[in-house]
Protein backbone atom coordinates (compact mmCIF):
# COMPACT_ATOMS: atom_id res chain seq x y z
CA UNK A 1 165.83 118.06 144.15
CA UNK A 2 165.15 120.03 140.97
CA UNK A 3 164.98 123.79 141.44
CA UNK A 4 163.69 124.58 137.94
CA UNK A 5 160.78 123.24 135.92
CA UNK A 6 161.38 119.96 134.14
CA UNK A 7 159.38 117.47 132.07
CA UNK A 8 159.48 113.99 133.57
CA UNK A 9 157.19 111.10 134.40
CA UNK A 10 158.86 110.54 137.78
CA UNK A 11 158.04 112.67 140.80
CA UNK A 12 157.15 112.40 144.49
CA UNK A 13 154.08 114.49 145.34
CA UNK A 14 153.11 115.67 148.82
CA UNK A 15 153.76 112.32 150.56
CA UNK A 16 156.31 109.53 150.18
CA UNK A 17 153.59 107.07 149.17
CA UNK A 18 152.60 109.31 146.23
CA UNK A 19 155.61 108.36 144.17
CA UNK A 20 155.11 108.42 140.41
CA UNK A 21 157.36 106.38 138.10
CA UNK A 22 155.30 105.75 134.96
CA UNK A 23 153.55 107.86 132.32
CA UNK A 24 150.20 106.41 133.42
CA UNK A 25 150.92 107.35 137.02
CA UNK A 26 151.86 110.86 135.92
CA UNK A 27 148.63 111.21 133.93
CA UNK A 28 146.59 110.12 136.95
CA UNK A 29 148.53 112.46 139.23
CA UNK A 30 147.94 115.38 136.87
CA UNK A 31 144.24 114.49 136.85
CA UNK A 32 144.14 114.45 140.67
CA UNK A 33 145.87 117.85 140.87
CA UNK A 34 143.51 119.19 138.20
CA UNK A 35 140.50 118.00 140.23
CA UNK A 36 141.94 119.51 143.43
CA UNK A 37 142.27 122.84 141.62
CA UNK A 38 138.69 122.64 140.36
CA UNK A 39 137.52 121.82 143.89
CA UNK A 40 139.49 124.80 145.22
CA UNK A 41 137.59 127.12 142.84
CA UNK A 42 134.26 125.52 143.80
CA UNK A 43 134.96 126.03 147.51
CA UNK A 44 135.94 129.63 146.83
CA UNK A 45 132.60 130.15 145.06
CA UNK A 46 130.71 128.44 147.88
CA UNK A 47 132.32 130.78 150.34
CA UNK A 48 131.21 133.79 148.27
CA UNK A 49 127.63 132.48 148.16
CA UNK A 50 127.61 132.05 151.94
CA UNK A 51 128.99 135.57 152.37
CA UNK A 52 126.15 136.98 150.27
CA UNK A 53 123.58 135.03 152.29
CA UNK A 54 125.18 136.12 155.57
CA UNK A 55 125.02 139.76 154.52
CA UNK A 56 121.38 139.35 153.57
CA UNK A 57 120.70 137.81 157.00
CA UNK A 58 121.94 140.94 158.77
CA UNK A 59 119.30 143.51 159.68
CA UNK A 60 119.12 146.36 157.14
CA UNK A 61 119.02 148.97 159.86
CA UNK A 62 118.93 149.00 163.60
CA UNK A 63 115.38 149.81 164.43
CA UNK A 64 113.34 149.38 167.53
CA UNK A 65 111.76 146.24 166.04
CA UNK A 66 115.09 144.49 165.59
CA UNK A 67 116.10 145.31 169.16
CA UNK A 68 112.94 143.90 170.77
CA UNK A 69 113.04 140.56 172.49
CA UNK A 70 111.44 137.71 170.56
CA UNK A 71 107.76 137.22 171.31
CA UNK A 72 106.53 134.18 173.20
CA UNK A 73 105.89 131.25 170.90
CA UNK A 74 108.29 132.64 168.26
CA UNK A 75 110.50 129.64 167.64
CA UNK A 76 111.98 130.78 164.33
CA UNK A 77 115.67 131.56 164.11
CA UNK A 78 116.62 135.15 164.79
CA UNK A 79 118.62 137.11 162.26
CA UNK A 80 121.64 137.01 164.56
CA UNK A 81 121.63 133.24 164.92
CA UNK A 82 121.15 132.83 161.17
CA UNK A 83 124.11 135.12 160.55
CA UNK A 84 126.20 133.11 163.05
CA UNK A 85 125.40 129.83 161.24
CA UNK A 86 126.48 131.37 157.94
CA UNK A 87 129.66 132.61 159.63
CA UNK A 88 130.46 129.11 160.91
CA UNK A 89 129.84 127.73 157.42
CA UNK A 90 132.15 130.34 155.91
CA UNK A 91 134.83 129.44 158.44
CA UNK A 92 134.63 125.76 157.50
CA UNK A 93 134.76 126.61 153.80
CA UNK A 94 137.79 128.81 154.51
CA UNK A 95 139.65 125.97 156.25
CA UNK A 96 138.95 123.62 153.32
CA UNK A 97 140.05 126.31 150.86
CA UNK A 98 143.35 126.89 152.70
CA UNK A 99 144.10 123.16 152.91
CA UNK A 100 143.36 122.62 149.21
CA UNK A 101 145.37 125.70 148.25
CA UNK A 102 148.43 124.57 150.17
CA UNK A 103 148.18 121.04 148.77
CA UNK A 104 148.10 122.35 145.19
CA UNK A 105 150.91 124.80 145.96
CA UNK A 106 153.12 122.07 147.41
CA UNK A 107 152.42 119.83 144.43
CA UNK A 108 153.46 122.65 142.07
CA UNK A 109 156.61 123.11 144.14
CA UNK A 110 157.74 119.70 142.89
CA UNK A 111 158.71 121.77 139.79
CA UNK A 112 157.30 119.10 137.51
CA UNK A 113 155.91 120.88 134.46
CA UNK A 114 153.08 118.36 133.98
CA UNK A 115 151.86 118.92 137.55
CA UNK A 116 152.13 122.68 137.10
CA UNK A 117 150.08 122.53 133.88
CA UNK A 118 147.48 120.34 135.62
CA UNK A 119 147.11 122.91 138.42
CA UNK A 120 146.75 125.78 135.93
CA UNK A 121 144.27 123.84 133.77
CA UNK A 122 142.23 122.87 136.85
CA UNK A 123 142.10 126.42 138.11
CA UNK A 124 141.06 127.68 134.68
CA UNK A 125 138.43 124.98 134.24
CA UNK A 126 137.10 125.48 137.77
CA UNK A 127 136.75 129.23 137.31
CA UNK A 128 135.11 128.80 133.89
CA UNK A 129 132.58 126.23 135.13
CA UNK A 130 131.84 127.44 138.65
CA UNK A 131 131.72 131.23 138.53
CA UNK A 132 128.68 131.54 136.21
CA UNK A 133 126.83 129.71 139.01
CA UNK A 134 127.67 132.57 141.40
CA UNK A 135 124.99 134.77 139.85
CA UNK A 136 122.37 132.08 140.46
CA UNK A 137 123.28 131.44 144.11
């Protein structure tokens, strides 16, 4: 196994069945890693949007009104349950983010320069495209 970066069109990525032996296969593999990196940035942004919404769902201050029991016939979600749903959503986004991050990291650890450049380009492209949307969320 190579322990320094190298240019080659042959590599095994993540699983034995993802074995690349042709320039076309390498180009497709770089594209897949690039898309995984873009998706990683999108999930990271989604998690930030959910965090903002969860913070907005918390009561601004603890007042007597927020401590009262819900009135009869009030079927709307309470602020606490809304916050909990956002927290569950953030947890799921976090799991997806960790899995994607480790997959990209392990692909880069193949030390193939093309794969490394695909991961960097995907991260750059993802940040460039996705983070302006954060202000709109």
